[in-house]
C-alpha atoms as a PDB file:
ATOM      1  CA  MET A   1      88.756  87.794  90.572  1.00  0.00           C
ATOM      2  CA  ARG A   2      85.312  87.630  91.893  1.00  0.00           C
ATOM      3  CA  LYS A   3      85.418  89.642  95.727  1.00  0.00           C
ATOM      4  CA  SER A   4      81.933  90.430  97.405  1.00  0.00           C
ATOM      5  CA  ILE A   5      80.406  93.351  96.640  1.00  0.00           C
ATOM      6  CA  VAL A   6      78.337  95.454  98.923  1.00  0.00           C
ATOM      7  CA  LYS A   7      76.162  98.178  96.787  1.00  0.00           C
ATOM      8  CA  VAL A   8      77.494 101.315  96.922  1.00  0.00           C
ATOM      9  CA  LYS A   9      76.348 104.626  98.781  1.00  0.00           C
ATOM     10  CA  PRO A  10      77.228 108.325  98.041  1.00  0.00           C
ATOM     11  CA  VAL A  11      80.688 109.329  99.176  1.00  0.00           C
ATOM     12  CA  GLU A  12      80.795 112.098 101.120  1.00  0.00           C
ATOM     13  CA  LYS A  13      83.376 114.854 100.343  1.00  0.00           C
ATOM     14  CA  ALA A  14      83.696 113.772  96.842  1.00  0.00           C
ATOM     15  CA  THR A  15      84.790 116.902  95.327  1.00  0.00           C
ATOM     16  CA  ASN A  16      88.135 116.733  97.682  1.00  0.00           C
ATOM     17  CA  ARG A  17      88.697 113.251  96.448  1.00  0.00           C
ATOM     18  CA  ARG A  18      88.108 114.017  93.054  1.00  0.00           C
ATOM     19  CA  GLN A  19      90.448 116.976  93.428  1.00  0.00           C
ATOM     20  CA  PHE A  20      92.938 114.024  94.732  1.00  0.00           C
ATOM     21  CA  LEU A  21      92.596 112.014  91.671  1.00  0.00           C
ATOM     22  CA  LYS A  22      93.397 114.624  89.604  1.00  0.00           C
ATOM     23  CA  LEU A  23      96.278 115.505  91.063  1.00  0.00           C
ATOM     24  CA  GLY A  24      97.684 112.093  91.393  1.00  0.00           C
ATOM     25  CA  GLY A  25      97.964 112.295  87.993  1.00  0.00           C
ATOM     26  CA  MET A  26      99.696 115.001  87.114  1.00  0.00           C
ATOM     27  CA  GLY A  27     103.102 115.617  86.135  1.00  0.00           C
ATOM     28  CA  VAL A  28     104.074 112.510  85.695  1.00  0.00           C
ATOM     29  CA  VAL A  29     104.322 112.453  82.389  1.00  0.00           C
ATOM     30  CA  GLY A  30     106.978 114.965  81.434  1.00  0.00           C
ATOM     31  CA  ALA A  31     107.991 115.666  85.020  1.00  0.00           C
ATOM     32  CA  GLY A  32     109.162 111.866  84.421  1.00  0.00           C
ATOM     33  CA  LEU A  33     110.440 111.489  81.367  1.00  0.00           C
ATOM     34  CA  LEU A  34     113.270 114.090  81.844  1.00  0.00           C
ATOM     35  CA  VAL A  35     114.503 112.721  85.242  1.00  0.00           C
ATOM     36  CA  ALA A  36     114.910 109.396  83.386  1.00  0.00           C
ATOM     37  CA  CYS A  37     116.348 110.724  79.880  1.00  0.00           C
ATOM     38  CA  SER A  38     118.841 112.952  81.450  1.00  0.00           C
ATOM     39  CA  ASN A  39     120.967 110.500  83.111  1.00  0.00           C
ATOM     40  CA  ASP A  40     122.773 109.756  79.677  1.00  0.00           C
ATOM     41  CA  ASP A  41     122.288 110.288  75.714  1.00  0.00           C
ATOM     42  CA  ASN A  42     119.226 107.339  75.197  1.00  0.00           C
ATOM     43  CA  GLY A  43     117.891 106.627  78.592  1.00  0.00           C
ATOM     44  CA  MET A  44     118.310 103.277  78.558  1.00  0.00           C
ATOM     45  CA  GLY A  45     121.344 103.165  81.893  1.00  0.00           C
ATOM     46  CA  MET A  46     123.932 100.191  81.054  1.00  0.00           C
ATOM     47  CA  MET A  47     120.584  98.335  79.538  1.00  0.00           C
ATOM     48  CA  PRO A  48     122.506  95.229  77.143  1.00  0.00           C
ATOM     49  CA  ASP A  49     121.059  94.655  73.904  1.00  0.00           C
ATOM     50  CA  PRO A  50     117.902  91.811  74.324  1.00  0.00           C
ATOM     51  CA  ASP A  51     118.196  88.368  74.041  1.00  0.00           C
ATOM     52  CA  PRO A  52     118.249  86.921  70.795  1.00  0.00           C
ATOM     53  CA  ASN A  53     113.915  85.916  70.332  1.00  0.00           C
ATOM     54  CA  PRO A  54     113.665  81.856  70.234  1.00  0.00           C
ATOM     55  CA  ASN A  55     110.470  82.698  68.339  1.00  0.00           C
ATOM     56  CA  PRO A  56     111.185  86.190  65.463  1.00  0.00           C
ATOM     57  CA  ASP A  57     107.319  85.823  64.490  1.00  0.00           C
ATOM     58  CA  ILE A  58     106.303  87.163  68.637  1.00  0.00           C
ATOM     59  CA  PHE A  59     107.737  90.233  69.725  1.00  0.00           C
ATOM     60  CA  ASP A  60     109.635  89.453  73.346  1.00  0.00           C
ATOM     61  CA  LEU A  61     110.013  92.388  75.341  1.00  0.00           C
ATOM     62  CA  GLY A  62     113.632  92.125  75.924  1.00  0.00           C
ATOM     63  CA  GLN A  63     115.177  92.201  78.654  1.00  0.00           C
ATOM     64  CA  GLY A  64     117.011  94.602  81.433  1.00  0.00           C
ATOM     65  CA  ASP A  65     115.004  98.314  81.549  1.00  0.00           C
ATOM     66  CA  LEU A  66     114.077  97.771  78.021  1.00  0.00           C
ATOM     67  CA  GLY A  67     112.092  95.099  79.563  1.00  0.00           C
ATOM     68  CA  VAL A  68     110.729  96.256  82.400  1.00  0.00           C
ATOM     69  CA  LEU A  69     109.685  99.287  79.987  1.00  0.00           C
ATOM     70  CA  ASN A  70     107.898  97.545  77.535  1.00  0.00           C
ATOM     71  CA  TYR A  71     106.592  95.302  80.264  1.00  0.00           C
ATOM     72  CA  ALA A  72     104.913  98.367  81.916  1.00  0.00           C
ATOM     73  CA  TYR A  73     103.663  99.450  78.535  1.00  0.00           C
ATOM     74  CA  ALA A  74     101.859  96.327  78.660  1.00  0.00           C
ATOM     75  CA  LEU A  75     100.393  97.061  81.330  1.00  0.00           C
ATOM     76  CA  GLU A  76      98.917 100.545  81.097  1.00  0.00           C
ATOM     77  CA  GLN A  77      97.246  99.700  77.176  1.00  0.00           C
ATOM     78  CA  LEU A  78      95.545  96.831  79.028  1.00  0.00           C
ATOM     79  CA  GLU A  79      94.074  99.225  81.060  1.00  0.00           C
ATOM     80  CA  ALA A  80      94.199 102.836  78.617  1.00  0.00           C
ATOM     81  CA  ASP A  81      92.021 100.407  77.156  1.00  0.00           C
ATOM     82  CA  PHE A  82      89.759  98.996  79.570  1.00  0.00           C
ATOM     83  CA  TYR A  83      88.490 101.810  80.807  1.00  0.00           C
ATOM     84  CA  THR A  84      87.642 103.914  77.368  1.00  0.00           C
ATOM     85  CA  LYS A  85      85.293 100.623  77.010  1.00  0.00           C
ATOM     86  CA  VAL A  86      84.209 101.966  80.387  1.00  0.00           C
ATOM     87  CA  VAL A  87      83.557 105.890  79.304  1.00  0.00           C
ATOM     88  CA  ASN A  88      82.456 105.413  75.743  1.00  0.00           C
ATOM     89  CA  SER A  89      79.193 103.437  77.493  1.00  0.00           C
ATOM     90  CA  PHE A  90      79.310 104.020  80.962  1.00  0.00           C
ATOM     91  CA  TYR A  91      76.501 101.148  82.907  1.00  0.00           C
ATOM     92  CA  ALA A  92      73.783 101.466  84.253  1.00  0.00           C
ATOM     93  CA  ASN A  93      72.664 103.902  86.836  1.00  0.00           C
ATOM     94  CA  ILE A  94      75.775 105.461  87.308  1.00  0.00           C
ATOM     95  CA  SER A  95      76.452 107.497  89.867  1.00  0.00           C
ATOM     96  CA  ASP A  96      77.972 111.280  88.920  1.00  0.00           C
ATOM     97  CA  GLU A  97      80.860 110.048  92.051  1.00  0.00           C
ATOM     98  CA  GLU A  98      81.445 106.999  89.816  1.00  0.00           C
ATOM     99  CA  MET A  99      80.949 108.502  86.701  1.00  0.00           C
ATOM    100  CA  GLN A 100      83.847 111.069  87.569  1.00  0.00           C
ATOM    101  CA  VAL A 101      86.513 108.296  88.916  1.00  0.00           C
ATOM    102  CA  LEU A 102      86.640 106.067  86.251  1.00  0.00           C
ATOM    103  CA  THR A 103      86.664 109.670  83.718  1.00  0.00           C
ATOM    104  CA  ASP A 104      89.594 110.357  86.249  1.00  0.00           C
ATOM    105  CA  LEU A 105      91.064 106.886  85.439  1.00  0.00           C
ATOM    106  CA  TYR A 106      90.473 106.589  82.036  1.00  0.00           C
ATOM    107  CA  TYR A 107      92.941 109.799  81.624  1.00  0.00           C
ATOM    108  CA  HIS A 108      95.623 108.391  83.820  1.00  0.00           C
ATOM    109  CA  GLU A 109      96.044 105.234  81.957  1.00  0.00           C
ATOM    110  CA  VAL A 110      95.841 106.790  78.686  1.00  0.00           C
ATOM    111  CA  ASN A 111      98.216 109.448  79.790  1.00  0.00           C
ATOM    112  CA  HIS A 112     100.336 106.663  81.068  1.00  0.00           C
ATOM    113  CA  ARG A 113     100.205 104.361  77.807  1.00  0.00           C
ATOM    114  CA  ASP A 114     101.350 107.396  75.638  1.00  0.00           C
ATOM    115  CA  PHE A 115     103.993 108.308  77.779  1.00  0.00           C
ATOM    116  CA  PHE A 116     105.557 104.727  77.881  1.00  0.00           C
ATOM    117  CA  LYS A 117     105.068 104.509  73.581  1.00  0.00           C
ATOM    118  CA  THR A 118     107.193 108.001  73.267  1.00  0.00           C
ATOM    119  CA  ALA A 119     109.443 106.918  76.522  1.00  0.00           C
ATOM    120  CA  ILE A 120     110.661 103.976  74.802  1.00  0.00           C
ATOM    121  CA  THR A 121     110.670 104.976  71.489  1.00  0.00           C
ATOM    122  CA  ALA A 122     112.665 107.952  72.129  1.00  0.00           C
ATOM    123  CA  ALA A 123     115.338 105.893  74.233  1.00  0.00           C
ATOM    124  CA  VAL A 124     115.905 103.107  71.513  1.00  0.00           C
ATOM    125  CA  GLU A 125     116.702 105.582  69.350  1.00  0.00           C
ATOM    126  CA  GLY A 126     113.497 105.319  67.035  1.00  0.00           C
ATOM    127  CA  ASN A 127     113.586 101.386  66.447  1.00  0.00           C
ATOM    128  CA  THR A 128     110.821 100.212  66.366  1.00  0.00           C
ATOM    129  CA  GLU A 129     111.575  96.400  66.418  1.00  0.00           C
ATOM    130  CA  LEU A 130     112.128  96.899  69.953  1.00  0.00           C
ATOM    131  CA  VAL A 131     108.898  98.443  71.352  1.00  0.00           C
ATOM    132  CA  LEU A 132     106.056  96.350  71.846  1.00  0.00           C
ATOM    133  CA  PRO A 133     103.242  96.843  68.942  1.00  0.00           C
ATOM    134  CA  THR A 134      99.747  98.068  69.681  1.00  0.00           C
ATOM    135  CA  LEU A 135      97.904  95.007  71.415  1.00  0.00           C
ATOM    136  CA  GLU A 136      94.487  93.800  70.688  1.00  0.00           C
ATOM    137  CA  PHE A 137      91.740  92.952  73.486  1.00  0.00           C
ATOM    138  CA  ASP A 138      88.387  90.801  74.050  1.00  0.00           C
ATOM    139  CA  TYR A 139      87.313  90.664  77.286  1.00  0.00           C
ATOM    140  CA  GLY A 140      84.817  87.966  76.285  1.00  0.00           C
ATOM    141  CA  ASP A 141      81.418  87.750  78.747  1.00  0.00           C
ATOM    142  CA  LEU A 142      82.230  90.766  80.366  1.00  0.00           C
ATOM    143  CA  ASP A 143      79.137  92.542  80.713  1.00  0.00           C
ATOM    144  CA  PHE A 144      80.643  96.393  80.940  1.00  0.00           C
ATOM    145  CA  ASN A 145      76.841  97.592  81.396  1.00  0.00           C
ATOM    146  CA  ASN A 146      77.089  95.329  84.744  1.00  0.00           C
ATOM    147  CA  ARG A 147      78.344  97.878  87.526  1.00  0.00           C
ATOM    148  CA  GLU A 148      79.434  95.360  89.508  1.00  0.00           C
ATOM    149  CA  GLN A 149      81.698  93.702  86.910  1.00  0.00           C
ATOM    150  CA  VAL A 150      83.347  96.802  85.796  1.00  0.00           C
ATOM    151  CA  LEU A 151      84.457  97.964  89.319  1.00  0.00           C
ATOM    152  CA  THR A 152      85.251  94.730  90.415  1.00  0.00           C
ATOM    153  CA  THR A 153      87.692  94.108  87.059  1.00  0.00           C
ATOM    154  CA  ALA A 154      88.943  97.875  87.507  1.00  0.00           C
ATOM    155  CA  SER A 155      90.018  96.436  91.211  1.00  0.00           C
ATOM    156  CA  VAL A 156      91.762  93.596  90.115  1.00  0.00           C
ATOM    157  CA  LEU A 157      93.855  95.251  87.564  1.00  0.00           C
ATOM    158  CA  GLU A 158      94.789  98.393  89.574  1.00  0.00           C
ATOM    159  CA  ASP A 159      95.836  96.036  92.369  1.00  0.00           C
ATOM    160  CA  THR A 160      97.713  93.841  89.562  1.00  0.00           C
ATOM    161  CA  GLY A 161      99.267  97.020  88.212  1.00  0.00           C
ATOM    162  CA  VAL A 162     100.320  98.191  91.441  1.00  0.00           C
ATOM    163  CA  ALA A 163     101.937  94.181  92.447  1.00  0.00           C
ATOM    164  CA  ALA A 164     103.569  94.601  89.046  1.00  0.00           C
ATOM    165  CA  TYR A 165     105.433  97.666  89.513  1.00  0.00           C
ATOM    166  CA  ASN A 166     107.102  96.986  92.931  1.00  0.00           C
ATOM    167  CA  GLY A 167     107.635  93.347  91.905  1.00  0.00           C
ATOM    168  CA  ALA A 168     108.898  95.235  89.023  1.00  0.00           C
ATOM    169  CA  GLY A 169     110.877  97.812  90.512  1.00  0.00           C
ATOM    170  CA  ARG A 170     114.230  95.451  91.470  1.00  0.00           C
ATOM    171  CA  LEU A 171     114.860  94.981  88.138  1.00  0.00           C
ATOM    172  CA  ILE A 172     115.297  98.470  87.193  1.00  0.00           C
ATOM    173  CA  SER A 173     118.928  99.780  86.471  1.00  0.00           C
ATOM    174  CA  ASN A 174     118.498 103.195  85.969  1.00  0.00           C
ATOM    175  CA  PRO A 175     117.785 105.361  88.754  1.00  0.00           C
ATOM    176  CA  GLY A 176     115.646 108.070  86.131  1.00  0.00           C
ATOM    177  CA  TYR A 177     113.645 105.293  85.717  1.00  0.00           C
ATOM    178  CA  LEU A 178     113.234 103.844  89.533  1.00  0.00           C
ATOM    179  CA  LEU A 179     112.041 106.834  89.996  1.00  0.00           C
ATOM    180  CA  LEU A 180     109.428 107.158  87.440  1.00  0.00           C
ATOM    181  CA  ALA A 181     107.667 104.096  88.243  1.00  0.00           C
ATOM    182  CA  GLY A 182     108.011 104.766  92.065  1.00  0.00           C
ATOM    183  CA  LYS A 183     105.684 108.171  90.912  1.00  0.00           C
ATOM    184  CA  ILE A 184     103.396 105.764  88.762  1.00  0.00           C
ATOM    185  CA  VAL A 185     102.930 103.367  91.341  1.00  0.00           C
ATOM    186  CA  SER A 186     102.320 105.508  93.650  1.00  0.00           C
ATOM    187  CA  VAL A 187      98.727 106.871  91.156  1.00  0.00           C
ATOM    188  CA  GLU A 188      98.114 103.060  90.717  1.00  0.00           C
ATOM    189  CA  ALA A 189      97.864 102.436  93.914  1.00  0.00           C
ATOM    190  CA  ARG A 190      95.737 105.896  94.638  1.00  0.00           C
ATOM    191  CA  HIS A 191      93.203 103.738  92.194  1.00  0.00           C
ATOM    192  CA  ALA A 192      93.074 100.736  93.291  1.00  0.00           C
ATOM    193  CA  SER A 193      91.847 102.327  96.859  1.00  0.00           C
ATOM    194  CA  ALA A 194      89.591 104.572  95.301  1.00  0.00           C
ATOM    195  CA  ILE A 195      88.006 101.497  93.178  1.00  0.00           C
ATOM    196  CA  ARG A 196      87.522  99.575  96.725  1.00  0.00           C
ATOM    197  CA  THR A 197      86.379 102.897  98.248  1.00  0.00           C
ATOM    198  CA  LEU A 198      83.264 102.430  95.284  1.00  0.00           C
ATOM    199  CA  LEU A 199      83.116  99.506  96.081  1.00  0.00           C
ATOM    200  CA  ASN A 200      82.446  99.325  99.756  1.00  0.00           C
ATOM    201  CA  PRO A 201      82.055 102.940 100.955  1.00  0.00           C
ATOM    202  CA  GLY A 202      82.879 103.420 104.211  1.00  0.00           C
ATOM    203  CA  SER A 203      85.103  99.970 104.964  1.00  0.00           C
ATOM    204  CA  THR A 204      88.995 100.086 105.076  1.00  0.00           C
ATOM    205  CA  ASP A 205      89.309  97.428 101.661  1.00  0.00           C
ATOM    206  CA  PHE A 206      91.246 100.724 100.295  1.00  0.00           C
ATOM    207  CA  ALA A 207      94.015  99.128 102.197  1.00  0.00           C
ATOM    208  CA  GLY A 208      92.623  95.557 102.924  1.00  0.00           C
ATOM    209  CA  ASP A 209      94.692  92.862 103.924  1.00  0.00           C
ATOM    210  CA  ASP A 210      94.027  91.054 100.822  1.00  0.00           C
ATOM    211  CA  TYR A 211      96.254  94.131  99.053  1.00  0.00           C
ATOM    212  CA  VAL A 212      98.435  95.234 101.619  1.00  0.00           C
ATOM    213  CA  THR A 213     100.145  92.568 103.696  1.00  0.00           C
ATOM    214  CA  THR A 214      99.736  92.313 107.645  1.00  0.00           C
ATOM    215  CA  ASP A 215     104.112  91.851 108.104  1.00  0.00           C
ATOM    216  CA  THR A 216     104.558  94.280 106.081  1.00  0.00           C
ATOM    217  CA  GLY A 217     101.821  96.858 105.461  1.00  0.00           C
ATOM    218  CA  LEU A 218     103.278  97.332 101.946  1.00  0.00           C
ATOM    219  CA  ALA A 219     101.088  96.120  99.164  1.00  0.00           C
ATOM    220  CA  ALA A 220     101.917  93.313  96.956  1.00  0.00           C
ATOM    221  CA  ALA A 221     105.421  92.676  94.928  1.00  0.00           C
ATOM    222  CA  LEU A 222     105.281  90.345  92.129  1.00  0.00           C
ATOM    223  CA  ASP A 223     107.640  88.928  89.506  1.00  0.00           C
ATOM    224  CA  PRO A 224     106.805  90.148  85.892  1.00  0.00           C
ATOM    225  CA  SER A 225     106.128  85.684  85.411  1.00  0.00           C
ATOM    226  CA  VAL A 226     103.839  85.879  87.623  1.00  0.00           C
ATOM    227  CA  VAL A 227     101.577  89.009  86.611  1.00  0.00           C
ATOM    228  CA  LEU A 228     101.815  87.857  83.128  1.00  0.00           C
ATOM    229  CA  SER A 229     100.054  84.806  83.638  1.00  0.00           C
ATOM    230  CA  ALA A 230      97.821  86.263  85.890  1.00  0.00           C
ATOM    231  CA  VAL A 231      96.649  88.480  83.309  1.00  0.00           C
ATOM    232  CA  GLY A 232      96.825  85.881  80.365  1.00  0.00           C
ATOM    233  CA  ASP A 233      94.550  83.375  81.996  1.00  0.00           C
ATOM    234  CA  THR A 234      91.891  86.352  81.852  1.00  0.00           C
ATOM    235  CA  GLY A 235      91.916  85.763  78.018  1.00  0.00           C
ATOM    236  CA  PHE A 236      91.822  89.927  77.836  1.00  0.00           C
ATOM    237  CA  ILE A 237      95.310  90.045  76.214  1.00  0.00           C
ATOM    238  CA  GLN A 238      94.999  88.605  72.455  1.00  0.00           C
ATOM    239  CA  THR A 239      98.279  89.846  70.683  1.00  0.00           C
ATOM    240  CA  PRO A 240     100.757  87.517  71.661  1.00  0.00           C
ATOM    241  CA  PHE A 241     104.313  88.102  72.925  1.00  0.00           C
ATOM    242  CA  THR A 242     106.582  86.392  75.043  1.00  0.00           C
ATOM    243  CA  ALA A 243     108.789  87.774  78.699  1.00  0.00           C
ATOM    244  CA  ASN A 244     111.809  85.402  78.149  1.00  0.00           C
ATOM    245  CA  ASN A 245     113.975  87.830  79.522  1.00  0.00           C
ATOM    246  CA  LEU A 246     112.391  88.569  82.519  1.00  0.00           C
ATOM    247  CA  PRO A 247     112.348  86.314  85.907  1.00  0.00           C
END
């Protein structure tokens, strides 16, 4: 998870970039929900019923569109929780620019998290047994008062989020949800670029070769099993769940 860190310097045109980030997070929740749920009665398309969970004591994300939405909800819960801790106690000597960017990202991720909970609950007609529960998190020895650790962790989470949405797109059957995923991943990509710029201003890290592949010019796309394994390795998510019906 470690990346090379260069001391940050004031970012030019900060006001314009803050406005760009704010615009990037607007309109996704309301418009996306209407589009996704307008395709059929429950908004889930041709989603099959989830396969039986081999361990009924542990929540399984499910399959089809439901599984993908629960998967996205898990990742958004993690990002929202992380940024909530960041903004509740900013690290020492944080710049005004960094504070504004991290606050914007906090609002975006909380909106994304709350949207998925509302959308999934509506789609399964209130059957909360099919909705991923609220997860618990533990960041271990991550020092939230350490700028390098906070921004590096934020960068890893955002890069992973983009790869997760890109990789899950092929698993979505409902065109409305695919459109929604495309909107959200574009916001997550802006987050990733913003954090990378804070870490190394004036560089091309916002679209570095470790993030945007040189052969296609696109960000990475990872299957849920790969992403969940990587997230699991961090130990951040304490609530157990399975993804037996996702690749």
